[in-house]
Amino acid sequence: MAHTPSPSATPDASALPSAGGLSAKGLSAGSIGLLGATVIGISCIAPAYTLTASLGPTVAAVGTQMPGIFLVGFIPMLLVALGYRELNAAMPDSGTSFTWATRAFGPWIGWMGGWGLIVATVVVLSNLAGVAVDFLYLALAQLFNNPALADLTNNVLINIVTCLVFMVLACYVSYRGMETTKAVQYVLVAFQLIVLVWFSVAALIEYGNGSAFDELAFSASWFNPFLVPSFSAFAAGVSLSIFIFWGWDVTLTMNEETKNPKTTPGRAATLTVAIIFALYILVAIAALMFAGIGTGELGLGNEDIQGNVFAALAGPVMGPFAILLSLAVLSSSAASLQSTFVGPARTMLAMGHYKAFPSRFASISPRFKSPGFATIAAAVVAWGFYAVLRVLSTDVLTDTILTLGMMICFYYGVTAFACVWYFRAEAFSNARAFFLKFLAPLVGGVILTVIFATTLIDSMNPEYGSGSNIGGLGLVFVLAMVLFISGIVLMLVQRRINPSFFQGKTLTKGTSLD
């Protein structure tokens, strides 16, 4: 990778290698090792937050087949992660999906791949902040034994203002660079993992004692996804399970800041996905065995608790220690809110650097060596998105999760196919190349494409998601279309203002043999 004299300088074509114009952007190189990258990857996935928001909707879609659907969601994530690892080894660049898709398919698809990553992270930032608000007031209610405090989250104005406070704090930590980010994440990630294992063990003990709410005996059939009654239900479940694994690719957006950038990010991504998968299966089985899938007070099929399962189950499962689970979800969402800024900020940095975005986004904080302007921009847009959706939607969490699932399928799929196309000249040279550079990303990309198309069609139904709709179309579909169309419009505007990227002058199309 060639290094430019300054982070804002335009690469000198004569000094660039054959890798199509890749160049450094002035980030703090060598500041993150394998452990730090894995911890930040787990933090970005936010297992405590993710599980409390997704266990209920997943059970609503597929019932007791939840572990099997988690397994199905894990497969494309693993296959795509293998492709990501190969692309990173060949082209370690903070732009990841944007850079790699541009090198494989050219500027137009590359730009939309980057846009997909940015809007997916903006959507999840808004979702994370919303969960943090809910659990802040729940924890206060438990701490002061005053249930009325938990209801403050239902006040739209208080909710939006509190969300803004969380967003500002997270943005500040992220702005200070990877060293501050890493220090904060070690404590918060360790705490939530310990509490989630505690919850799972406690739920299994309650089952063993015969004091579970609606006990279900463990069955190996839970792992059979083919028992899901319909393909639409299957697709909805997989879309949700893809959402719960999303975030591991943040380890790759840090590749210019890691030690051994060609290998460490890919190893961290694979390790992150494996740890999260094991944890999810444990929690899913424990929750099913304790609460069942019925519609009773604590049943996972109860619509009143599906948006926030842990809030309902914490007391019955953990007793006087229930506040720890509330604090775990609060710390999980707060930690992920902060670490999730890493991905969009570095993608926008790369897009500004290569002239696909206004050059202002390419600016680096002189003191912290972080993408300062891009980080602040991500915070402003995410908070605005949340504020608007909080007013429009009757169930912000469900609608943003389903919208996010589609955006993830889109940009992960684009990146998977970029791997196949970029390495096409060497894909059949040996067994390793065939599997890692061709077969794995191809299968992963096809699965994600099918899920994306099915979810997009189903989301047109006004009953889809929370049941909120605009003009008879489901809100999830409307949100997805607004995000895609706004991306196309912005791309055309940028093409008119500064055409150099779209003319292939800053980042060129090519193959792995260039």
Protein backbone atom coordinates (compact mmCIF):
# COMPACT_ATOMS: atom_id res chain seq x y z
CA MET A 1 0.00 0.00 0.00
CA ALA A 2 1.47 3.32 -1.04
CA HIS A 3 1.71 6.18 1.46
CA THR A 4 0.93 9.73 0.54
CA PRO A 5 2.71 12.74 2.04
CA SER A 6 -0.45 13.92 3.82
CA PRO A 7 -3.93 12.48 4.49
CA SER A 8 -5.60 14.96 2.19
CA ALA A 9 -3.12 14.80 -0.67
CA THR A 10 -4.15 13.39 -4.03
CA PRO A 11 -2.17 10.25 -4.88
CA ASP A 12 0.52 10.64 -7.49
CA ALA A 13 -0.32 8.12 -10.17
CA SER A 14 3.32 7.48 -10.93
CA ALA A 15 4.05 6.55 -7.34
CA LEU A 16 1.13 4.19 -6.91
CA PRO A 17 1.41 0.39 -7.06
CA SER A 18 -0.67 -1.69 -9.41
CA ALA A 19 -3.40 -2.02 -6.76
CA GLY A 20 -5.48 0.62 -8.44
CA GLY A 21 -4.59 3.70 -6.42
CA LEU A 22 -4.96 2.50 -2.82
CA SER A 23 -3.24 4.88 -0.42
CA ALA A 24 -2.99 5.64 3.30
CA LYS A 25 -5.24 8.25 4.88
CA GLY A 26 -3.31 9.39 7.94
CA LEU A 27 -4.94 7.11 10.54
CA SER A 28 -3.02 5.90 13.60
CA ALA A 29 -1.22 2.82 12.25
CA GLY A 30 -0.41 -0.19 14.46
CA SER A 31 -2.61 0.85 17.40
CA ILE A 32 -4.84 -2.26 17.53
CA GLY A 33 -3.83 -5.91 18.01
CA LEU A 34 -5.83 -9.14 17.61
CA LEU A 35 -7.40 -8.98 21.08
CA GLY A 36 -8.35 -5.32 20.75
CA ALA A 37 -9.84 -5.84 17.29
CA THR A 38 -11.87 -8.85 18.45
CA VAL A 39 -13.18 -6.98 21.51
CA ILE A 40 -14.25 -4.05 19.34
CA GLY A 41 -15.87 -6.49 16.90
CA ILE A 42 -17.88 -8.13 19.71
CA SER A 43 -18.77 -4.70 21.05
CA CYS A 44 -20.07 -3.56 17.66
CA ILE A 45 -22.30 -6.65 17.42
CA ALA A 46 -23.52 -5.82 20.97
CA PRO A 47 -24.78 -9.28 21.98
CA ALA A 48 -26.82 -8.16 25.02
CA TYR A 49 -28.60 -5.39 23.11
CA THR A 50 -29.02 -7.54 20.00
CA LEU A 51 -30.53 -10.48 21.84
CA THR A 52 -33.05 -8.47 23.85
CA ALA A 53 -34.27 -6.81 20.65
CA SER A 54 -34.31 -9.92 18.43
CA LEU A 55 -35.26 -12.97 20.51
CA GLY A 56 -38.96 -12.03 20.51
CA PRO A 57 -39.29 -11.11 16.81
CA THR A 58 -37.37 -14.26 15.83
CA VAL A 59 -39.66 -16.49 17.90
CA ALA A 60 -42.66 -14.67 16.37
CA ALA A 61 -41.35 -15.60 12.92
CA VAL A 62 -40.08 -19.17 13.43
CA GLY A 63 -41.10 -20.39 16.91
CA THR A 64 -38.89 -23.05 18.48
CA GLN A 65 -36.75 -23.16 15.33
CA MET A 66 -34.89 -20.09 16.60
CA PRO A 67 -31.55 -21.94 17.19
CA GLY A 68 -31.78 -23.43 13.69
CA ILE A 69 -32.43 -20.00 12.18
CA PHE A 70 -29.46 -18.60 14.11
CA LEU A 71 -27.39 -21.40 12.57
CA VAL A 72 -28.67 -20.53 9.07
CA GLY A 73 -27.88 -16.84 9.65
CA PHE A 74 -24.40 -17.79 10.85
CA ILE A 75 -23.57 -19.71 7.65
CA PRO A 76 -23.69 -16.78 5.17
CA MET A 77 -21.95 -14.56 7.72
CA LEU A 78 -19.10 -17.06 7.98
CA LEU A 79 -18.89 -17.56 4.21
CA VAL A 80 -18.88 -13.81 3.57
CA ALA A 81 -16.34 -13.29 6.37
CA LEU A 82 -13.97 -15.68 4.56
CA GLY A 83 -14.33 -13.60 1.39
CA TYR A 84 -13.79 -10.39 3.35
CA ARG A 85 -10.60 -11.86 4.79
CA GLU A 86 -9.22 -12.58 1.32
CA LEU A 87 -10.09 -9.09 0.07
CA ASN A 88 -8.49 -7.53 3.12
CA ALA A 89 -5.29 -9.52 2.64
CA ALA A 90 -5.09 -8.29 -0.96
CA MET A 91 -6.27 -4.70 -0.34
CA PRO A 92 -6.14 -3.56 3.31
CA ASP A 93 -8.07 -0.29 3.06
CA SER A 94 -10.43 1.41 5.53
CA GLY A 95 -13.05 1.79 2.77
CA THR A 96 -13.63 -2.02 2.78
CA SER A 97 -16.90 -2.66 0.86
CA PHE A 98 -16.66 0.64 -1.01
CA THR A 99 -13.04 0.19 -2.02
CA TRP A 100 -13.27 -3.50 -2.85
CA ALA A 101 -16.49 -3.22 -4.88
CA THR A 102 -15.00 -0.28 -6.79
CA ARG A 103 -11.87 -2.26 -7.62
CA ALA A 104 -13.98 -5.23 -8.76
CA PHE A 105 -17.00 -3.64 -10.46
CA GLY A 106 -16.13 0.01 -11.00
CA PRO A 107 -17.20 3.29 -9.36
CA TRP A 108 -21.01 3.07 -9.59
CA ILE A 109 -21.48 -0.26 -7.81
CA GLY A 110 -18.59 0.60 -5.50
CA TRP A 111 -20.26 3.86 -4.47
CA MET A 112 -23.56 2.10 -3.70
CA GLY A 113 -21.72 -0.61 -1.75
CA GLY A 114 -20.19 2.09 0.43
CA TRP A 115 -23.56 3.79 0.74
CA GLY A 116 -25.15 0.52 1.88
CA LEU A 117 -22.59 0.19 4.67
CA ILE A 118 -23.04 3.81 5.74
CA VAL A 119 -26.83 3.74 5.90
CA ALA A 120 -26.86 0.34 7.63
CA THR A 121 -24.63 1.70 10.37
CA VAL A 122 -26.63 4.91 10.63
CA VAL A 123 -29.80 2.82 11.09
CA VAL A 124 -28.20 0.67 13.77
CA LEU A 125 -26.73 3.71 15.53
CA SER A 126 -30.25 5.08 15.90
CA ASN A 127 -31.48 1.68 17.11
CA LEU A 128 -28.66 1.34 19.62
CA ALA A 129 -29.35 4.77 21.05
CA GLY A 130 -33.04 3.89 21.39
CA VAL A 131 -32.26 0.71 23.35
CA ALA A 132 -29.81 2.62 25.55
CA VAL A 133 -32.57 5.11 26.40
CA ASP A 134 -35.05 2.32 27.26
CA PHE A 135 -32.63 0.52 29.55
CA LEU A 136 -31.35 3.69 31.19
CA TYR A 137 -34.81 4.48 32.54
CA LEU A 138 -35.49 0.81 33.31
CA ALA A 139 -32.27 0.61 35.35
CA LEU A 140 -33.21 3.82 37.18
CA ALA A 141 -36.65 2.38 37.94
CA GLN A 142 -35.07 -0.78 39.36
CA LEU A 143 -32.42 1.15 41.28
CA PHE A 144 -34.88 3.52 42.96
CA ASN A 145 -37.75 0.99 43.10
CA ASN A 146 -39.96 3.42 41.20
CA PRO A 147 -41.70 1.83 38.16
CA ALA A 148 -42.83 5.25 36.95
CA LEU A 149 -39.27 6.10 35.97
CA ALA A 150 -39.30 3.31 33.36
CA ASP A 151 -42.26 5.01 31.66
CA LEU A 152 -40.22 8.14 30.94
CA THR A 153 -38.88 6.42 27.83
CA ASN A 154 -42.41 6.59 26.36
CA ASN A 155 -42.34 10.40 26.47
CA VAL A 156 -41.25 11.25 22.91
CA LEU A 157 -39.48 14.50 23.81
CA ILE A 158 -37.58 13.01 26.78
CA ASN A 159 -36.70 9.96 24.70
CA ILE A 160 -35.30 11.99 21.79
CA VAL A 161 -33.31 14.35 24.05
CA THR A 162 -31.84 11.45 26.04
CA CYS A 163 -30.93 9.76 22.77
CA LEU A 164 -29.07 12.92 21.76
CA VAL A 165 -27.04 12.82 24.99
CA PHE A 166 -26.01 9.20 24.35
CA MET A 167 -25.11 10.02 20.76
CA VAL A 168 -22.93 12.99 21.76
CA LEU A 169 -21.04 10.98 24.40
CA ALA A 170 -20.42 8.06 22.03
CA CYS A 171 -19.32 10.40 19.26
CA TYR A 172 -16.86 12.09 21.63
CA VAL A 173 -15.20 8.81 22.63
CA SER A 174 -14.98 7.66 19.01
CA TYR A 175 -13.60 11.04 17.93
CA ARG A 176 -10.71 10.57 20.37
CA GLY A 177 -9.43 7.65 18.31
CA MET A 178 -8.80 3.94 18.65
CA GLU A 179 -6.77 4.01 21.88
CA THR A 180 -9.67 5.57 23.81
CA THR A 181 -12.16 3.32 22.02
CA LYS A 182 -10.20 0.19 22.92
CA ALA A 183 -9.85 1.14 26.62
CA VAL A 184 -13.58 1.73 27.01
CA GLN A 185 -14.54 -1.47 25.20
CA TYR A 186 -12.51 -3.93 27.29
CA VAL A 187 -14.54 -3.20 30.42
CA LEU A 188 -17.98 -2.94 28.79
CA VAL A 189 -17.61 -6.07 26.63
CA ALA A 190 -16.33 -8.22 29.50
CA PHE A 191 -19.23 -7.13 31.71
CA GLN A 192 -21.97 -7.95 29.20
CA LEU A 193 -20.50 -11.35 28.29
CA ILE A 194 -20.30 -12.37 31.97
CA VAL A 195 -23.89 -11.28 32.65
CA LEU A 196 -25.26 -13.06 29.54
CA VAL A 197 -23.63 -16.34 30.57
CA TRP A 198 -24.96 -15.77 34.12
CA PHE A 199 -28.49 -15.25 32.76
CA SER A 200 -28.30 -18.41 30.63
CA VAL A 201 -27.02 -20.59 33.46
CA ALA A 202 -29.62 -19.16 35.86
CA ALA A 203 -32.43 -19.85 33.36
CA LEU A 204 -31.26 -23.45 32.92
CA ILE A 205 -31.07 -23.90 36.70
CA GLU A 206 -34.65 -22.59 37.02
CA TYR A 207 -35.69 -25.13 34.40
CA GLY A 208 -33.88 -27.90 36.24
CA ASN A 209 -35.59 -26.92 39.50
CA GLY A 210 -39.00 -27.07 37.86
CA SER A 211 -39.61 -23.36 38.49
CA ALA A 212 -39.38 -22.12 34.89
CA PHE A 213 -42.27 -19.98 33.64
CA ASP A 214 -43.34 -22.21 30.74
CA GLU A 215 -40.71 -24.87 30.49
CA LEU A 216 -39.85 -26.56 27.23
CA ALA A 217 -37.74 -29.70 27.16
CA PHE A 218 -34.70 -29.36 24.93
CA SER A 219 -35.11 -30.89 21.48
CA ALA A 220 -32.55 -31.41 18.75
CA SER A 221 -35.33 -30.50 16.28
CA TRP A 222 -34.90 -26.85 17.32
CA PHE A 223 -31.81 -26.85 15.10
CA ASN A 224 -33.74 -27.95 12.01
CA PRO A 225 -34.58 -24.77 10.04
CA PHE A 226 -36.63 -26.78 7.51
CA LEU A 227 -39.40 -27.16 10.09
CA VAL A 228 -40.25 -23.46 9.69
CA PRO A 229 -43.80 -23.44 8.22
CA SER A 230 -43.25 -21.09 5.24
CA PHE A 231 -40.45 -19.61 3.18
CA SER A 232 -41.54 -16.05 4.05
CA ALA A 233 -41.27 -16.90 7.75
CA PHE A 234 -37.92 -18.54 7.04
CA ALA A 235 -36.69 -15.44 5.17
CA ALA A 236 -37.89 -13.11 7.93
CA GLY A 237 -36.14 -15.25 10.53
CA VAL A 238 -32.89 -15.35 8.55
CA SER A 239 -33.04 -11.59 8.02
CA LEU A 240 -33.31 -11.17 11.78
CA SER A 241 -30.50 -13.65 12.43
CA ILE A 242 -28.27 -11.85 9.93
CA PHE A 243 -28.95 -8.66 11.88
CA ILE A 244 -27.77 -10.26 15.14
CA PHE A 245 -24.42 -11.25 13.61
CA TRP A 246 -23.89 -7.91 11.89
CA GLY A 247 -20.97 -5.77 13.03
CA TRP A 248 -18.00 -8.13 12.78
CA ASP A 249 -16.78 -6.30 9.67
CA VAL A 250 -15.83 -3.31 11.85
CA THR A 251 -12.60 -5.23 12.47
CA LEU A 252 -11.80 -4.78 8.78
CA THR A 253 -12.59 -1.06 8.63
CA MET A 254 -9.82 -0.69 11.23
CA ASN A 255 -7.30 -2.44 8.98
CA GLU A 256 -5.16 0.66 8.47
CA GLU A 257 -4.88 0.98 12.27
CA THR A 258 -4.12 -2.65 13.17
CA LYS A 259 -0.84 -4.45 13.65
CA ASN A 260 -0.20 -6.74 10.65
CA PRO A 261 -3.06 -5.21 8.60
CA LYS A 262 -3.10 -8.03 6.02
CA THR A 263 -3.85 -10.77 8.60
CA THR A 264 -5.04 -9.37 11.95
CA PRO A 265 -8.40 -7.90 10.78
CA GLY A 266 -9.44 -11.12 9.03
CA ARG A 267 -8.51 -13.28 12.00
CA ALA A 268 -10.35 -10.95 14.35
CA ALA A 269 -13.48 -11.09 12.15
CA THR A 270 -13.52 -14.90 12.11
CA LEU A 271 -12.89 -15.12 15.87
CA THR A 272 -15.62 -12.57 16.58
CA VAL A 273 -18.26 -14.45 14.56
CA ALA A 274 -17.36 -17.79 16.23
CA ILE A 275 -17.57 -16.40 19.79
CA ILE A 276 -20.86 -14.66 19.11
CA PHE A 277 -22.40 -17.76 17.52
CA ALA A 278 -21.62 -19.91 20.58
CA LEU A 279 -23.04 -17.26 22.92
CA TYR A 280 -26.25 -16.84 20.89
CA ILE A 281 -26.98 -20.56 20.83
CA LEU A 282 -26.54 -20.76 24.61
CA VAL A 283 -28.88 -17.82 25.30
CA ALA A 284 -31.50 -18.99 22.75
CA ILE A 285 -31.71 -22.48 24.24
CA ALA A 286 -31.87 -21.14 27.81
CA ALA A 287 -34.62 -18.64 26.93
CA LEU A 288 -36.72 -21.28 25.16
CA MET A 289 -36.39 -23.78 27.99
CA PHE A 290 -37.33 -21.18 30.62
CA ALA A 291 -40.01 -19.05 28.93
CA GLY A 292 -41.39 -21.16 26.06
CA ILE A 293 -42.97 -19.61 22.98
CA GLY A 294 -46.46 -19.01 24.35
CA THR A 295 -48.22 -15.66 24.68
CA GLY A 296 -48.33 -15.66 28.47
CA GLU A 297 -46.81 -12.95 30.65
CA LEU A 298 -43.22 -14.09 30.14
CA GLY A 299 -43.66 -16.21 27.01
CA LEU A 300 -41.42 -15.31 24.09
CA GLY A 301 -44.56 -15.19 21.92
CA ASN A 302 -46.03 -12.34 24.00
CA GLU A 303 -46.12 -9.31 21.71
CA ASP A 304 -45.90 -6.95 24.69
CA ILE A 305 -42.38 -8.11 25.59
CA GLN A 306 -41.00 -9.06 22.16
CA GLY A 307 -39.26 -5.74 21.57
CA ASN A 308 -37.36 -6.02 24.84
CA VAL A 309 -37.26 -9.61 26.15
CA PHE A 310 -34.63 -9.17 28.85
CA ALA A 311 -36.60 -6.38 30.51
CA ALA A 312 -39.34 -8.94 31.20
CA LEU A 313 -37.19 -12.01 31.97
CA ALA A 314 -34.46 -10.41 34.08
CA GLY A 315 -36.41 -10.43 37.38
CA PRO A 316 -37.88 -13.95 37.17
CA VAL A 317 -34.55 -15.46 36.06
CA MET A 318 -31.94 -13.50 38.04
CA GLY A 319 -33.94 -12.35 41.05
CA PRO A 320 -32.23 -9.54 43.02
CA PHE A 321 -29.46 -9.42 40.41
CA ALA A 322 -31.88 -8.46 37.63
CA ILE A 323 -30.47 -4.95 37.53
CA LEU A 324 -27.21 -6.44 36.25
CA LEU A 325 -28.94 -7.59 33.09
CA SER A 326 -30.46 -4.15 32.59
CA LEU A 327 -27.02 -2.62 33.09
CA ALA A 328 -25.52 -5.21 30.69
CA VAL A 329 -27.94 -4.23 27.92
CA LEU A 330 -27.39 -0.54 28.70
CA SER A 331 -23.60 -0.97 28.58
CA SER A 332 -23.90 -3.18 25.49
CA SER A 333 -25.90 -0.62 23.54
CA ALA A 334 -23.74 2.25 24.80
CA ALA A 335 -20.51 0.40 23.96
CA SER A 336 -21.78 -0.61 20.53
CA LEU A 337 -23.09 2.89 19.92
CA GLN A 338 -19.54 4.11 20.36
CA SER A 339 -17.73 1.32 18.45
CA THR A 340 -20.26 1.35 15.59
CA PHE A 341 -19.09 4.87 14.72
CA VAL A 342 -15.82 3.26 13.57
CA GLY A 343 -17.31 1.69 10.41
CA PRO A 344 -19.24 4.56 8.79
CA ALA A 345 -16.64 7.15 9.79
CA ARG A 346 -13.82 5.22 8.12
CA THR A 347 -15.91 4.39 5.07
CA MET A 348 -16.81 8.06 4.63
CA LEU A 349 -13.15 8.92 5.21
CA ALA A 350 -12.15 6.59 2.37
CA MET A 351 -14.90 7.89 0.08
CA GLY A 352 -13.76 11.46 0.75
CA HIS A 353 -10.13 10.46 0.24
CA TYR A 354 -10.85 8.91 -3.16
CA LYS A 355 -13.14 11.84 -4.17
CA ALA A 356 -16.37 9.79 -4.06
CA PHE A 357 -17.60 12.07 -1.25
CA PRO A 358 -16.84 15.77 -0.68
CA SER A 359 -13.17 16.10 0.29
CA ARG A 360 -14.19 17.50 3.70
CA PHE A 361 -14.88 13.91 4.76
CA ALA A 362 -11.22 13.03 4.16
CA SER A 363 -10.04 15.25 7.02
CA ILE A 364 -8.18 13.65 9.93
CA SER A 365 -8.01 15.01 13.48
CA PRO A 366 -4.37 16.13 13.88
CA ARG A 367 -4.38 15.24 17.58
CA PHE A 368 -6.26 11.92 17.65
CA LYS A 369 -5.54 10.66 14.11
CA SER A 370 -9.23 9.82 13.68
CA PRO A 371 -11.74 10.76 10.93
CA GLY A 372 -13.11 13.68 12.93
CA PHE A 373 -15.55 15.27 10.49
CA ALA A 374 -16.93 11.93 9.28
CA THR A 375 -17.51 10.80 12.88
CA ILE A 376 -19.51 13.94 13.71
CA ALA A 377 -21.48 13.67 10.46
CA ALA A 378 -22.46 10.07 11.28
CA ALA A 379 -23.71 11.16 14.72
CA VAL A 380 -25.79 14.05 13.38
CA VAL A 381 -27.48 11.96 10.67
CA ALA A 382 -28.11 8.99 13.00
CA TRP A 383 -29.76 11.16 15.64
CA GLY A 384 -31.90 12.90 13.01
CA PHE A 385 -32.98 9.54 11.58
CA TYR A 386 -33.93 8.28 15.04
CA ALA A 387 -35.87 11.45 15.91
CA VAL A 388 -37.94 11.25 12.72
CA LEU A 389 -38.60 7.52 13.04
CA ARG A 390 -39.48 7.82 16.74
CA VAL A 391 -42.32 10.13 15.73
CA LEU A 392 -43.49 8.07 12.70
CA SER A 393 -43.25 4.49 13.95
CA THR A 394 -45.28 2.67 16.59
CA ASP A 395 -42.38 0.25 17.12
CA VAL A 396 -39.03 1.83 16.29
CA LEU A 397 -36.94 -1.22 17.20
CA THR A 398 -38.79 -3.74 15.03
CA ASP A 399 -38.93 -1.50 11.96
CA THR A 400 -35.28 -0.43 12.16
CA ILE A 401 -34.10 -4.01 12.72
CA LEU A 402 -35.98 -5.25 9.64
CA THR A 403 -34.76 -2.31 7.54
CA LEU A 404 -31.23 -2.91 8.77
CA GLY A 405 -31.45 -6.59 7.79
CA MET A 406 -32.12 -5.61 4.17
CA MET A 407 -29.28 -3.07 4.07
CA ILE A 408 -26.86 -5.61 5.54
CA CYS A 409 -27.86 -8.22 2.95
CA PHE A 410 -27.29 -5.63 0.22
CA TYR A 411 -23.79 -4.45 1.04
CA TYR A 412 -22.53 -7.80 2.34
CA GLY A 413 -23.84 -9.37 -0.86
CA VAL A 414 -22.16 -6.76 -3.06
CA THR A 415 -18.87 -7.34 -1.22
CA ALA A 416 -19.16 -11.13 -1.49
CA PHE A 417 -19.69 -10.93 -5.25
CA ALA A 418 -16.82 -8.41 -5.46
CA CYS A 419 -14.56 -11.07 -3.95
CA VAL A 420 -15.65 -13.63 -6.55
CA TRP A 421 -15.13 -11.20 -9.44
CA TYR A 422 -11.90 -9.62 -8.24
CA PHE A 423 -10.19 -13.00 -7.80
CA ARG A 424 -11.75 -14.63 -10.87
CA ALA A 425 -8.42 -15.01 -12.69
CA GLU A 426 -6.94 -17.13 -9.90
CA ALA A 427 -10.07 -18.77 -8.46
CA PHE A 428 -9.31 -22.16 -9.99
CA SER A 429 -5.53 -22.14 -9.50
CA ASN A 430 -5.67 -24.29 -6.33
CA ALA A 431 -8.11 -25.75 -3.80
CA ARG A 432 -7.67 -22.95 -1.25
CA ALA A 433 -8.33 -20.22 -3.79
CA PHE A 434 -11.37 -22.09 -5.13
CA PHE A 435 -12.99 -22.39 -1.71
CA LEU A 436 -12.05 -19.08 -0.06
CA LYS A 437 -12.01 -16.74 -3.07
CA PHE A 438 -14.80 -18.27 -5.14
CA LEU A 439 -17.14 -20.85 -3.58
CA ALA A 440 -17.56 -19.47 -0.04
CA PRO A 441 -18.26 -15.84 -1.01
CA LEU A 442 -20.41 -16.93 -3.98
CA VAL A 443 -22.69 -19.11 -1.86
CA GLY A 444 -22.81 -16.47 0.87
CA GLY A 445 -23.67 -13.76 -1.65
CA VAL A 446 -26.43 -15.83 -3.27
CA ILE A 447 -28.03 -16.58 0.11
CA LEU A 448 -27.98 -12.91 1.06
CA THR A 449 -29.44 -11.89 -2.31
CA VAL A 450 -32.36 -14.30 -1.95
CA ILE A 451 -33.07 -13.08 1.58
CA PHE A 452 -32.83 -9.45 0.45
CA ALA A 453 -35.28 -9.94 -2.44
CA THR A 454 -37.77 -11.92 -0.35
CA THR A 455 -37.72 -9.42 2.51
CA LEU A 456 -38.07 -6.48 0.12
CA ILE A 457 -41.18 -7.99 -1.48
CA ASP A 458 -42.73 -9.03 1.85
CA SER A 459 -42.09 -5.62 3.41
CA MET A 460 -44.48 -3.98 0.93
CA ASN A 461 -47.32 -5.46 2.99
CA PRO A 462 -48.66 -2.76 5.37
CA GLU A 463 -48.87 -5.40 8.13
CA TYR A 464 -45.15 -6.15 7.88
CA GLY A 465 -43.03 -5.25 10.89
CA SER A 466 -44.80 -3.00 13.39
CA GLY A 467 -47.81 -2.51 11.10
CA SER A 468 -46.91 1.13 10.50
CA ASN A 469 -47.44 2.15 6.89
CA ILE A 470 -47.30 5.14 4.57
CA GLY A 471 -49.79 5.25 1.70
CA GLY A 472 -50.63 1.58 2.17
CA LEU A 473 -47.01 0.45 1.89
CA GLY A 474 -45.21 -1.04 4.90
CA LEU A 475 -42.92 1.41 6.69
CA VAL A 476 -39.97 -0.99 6.38
CA PHE A 477 -40.31 -1.02 2.58
CA VAL A 478 -40.68 2.77 2.47
CA LEU A 479 -37.59 3.24 4.65
CA ALA A 480 -35.54 0.90 2.47
CA MET A 481 -36.64 2.65 -0.73
CA VAL A 482 -35.93 6.11 0.72
CA LEU A 483 -32.43 4.98 1.72
CA PHE A 484 -31.65 3.44 -1.68
CA ILE A 485 -33.09 6.27 -3.77
CA SER A 486 -31.39 8.95 -1.67
CA GLY A 487 -28.11 7.10 -2.25
CA ILE A 488 -28.61 7.15 -6.02
CA VAL A 489 -29.50 10.85 -5.95
CA LEU A 490 -26.46 11.75 -3.85
CA MET A 491 -24.24 9.66 -6.11
CA LEU A 492 -25.45 11.56 -9.18
CA VAL A 493 -24.95 14.89 -7.41
CA GLN A 494 -21.40 13.94 -6.43
CA ARG A 495 -20.74 12.76 -10.01
CA ARG A 496 -21.71 16.19 -11.27
CA ILE A 497 -19.75 18.15 -8.63
CA ASN A 498 -16.54 16.10 -8.77
CA PRO A 499 -16.44 13.46 -11.53
CA SER A 500 -12.84 12.30 -10.97
CA PHE A 501 -13.77 9.19 -8.94
CA PHE A 502 -16.47 8.17 -11.43
CA GLN A 503 -13.97 8.59 -14.28
CA GLY A 504 -11.63 6.09 -12.61
CA LYS A 505 -8.95 8.67 -11.86
CA THR A 506 -8.66 8.12 -8.10
CA LEU A 507 -9.48 4.41 -7.72
CA THR A 508 -9.34 2.10 -10.70
CA LYS A 509 -11.15 -1.09 -11.64
CA GLY A 510 -8.97 -4.19 -11.84
CA THR A 511 -8.33 -7.79 -10.83
CA SER A 512 -6.10 -9.57 -8.33
CA LEU A 513 -3.48 -10.13 -11.04
CA ASP A 514 -2.92 -6.40 -11.63
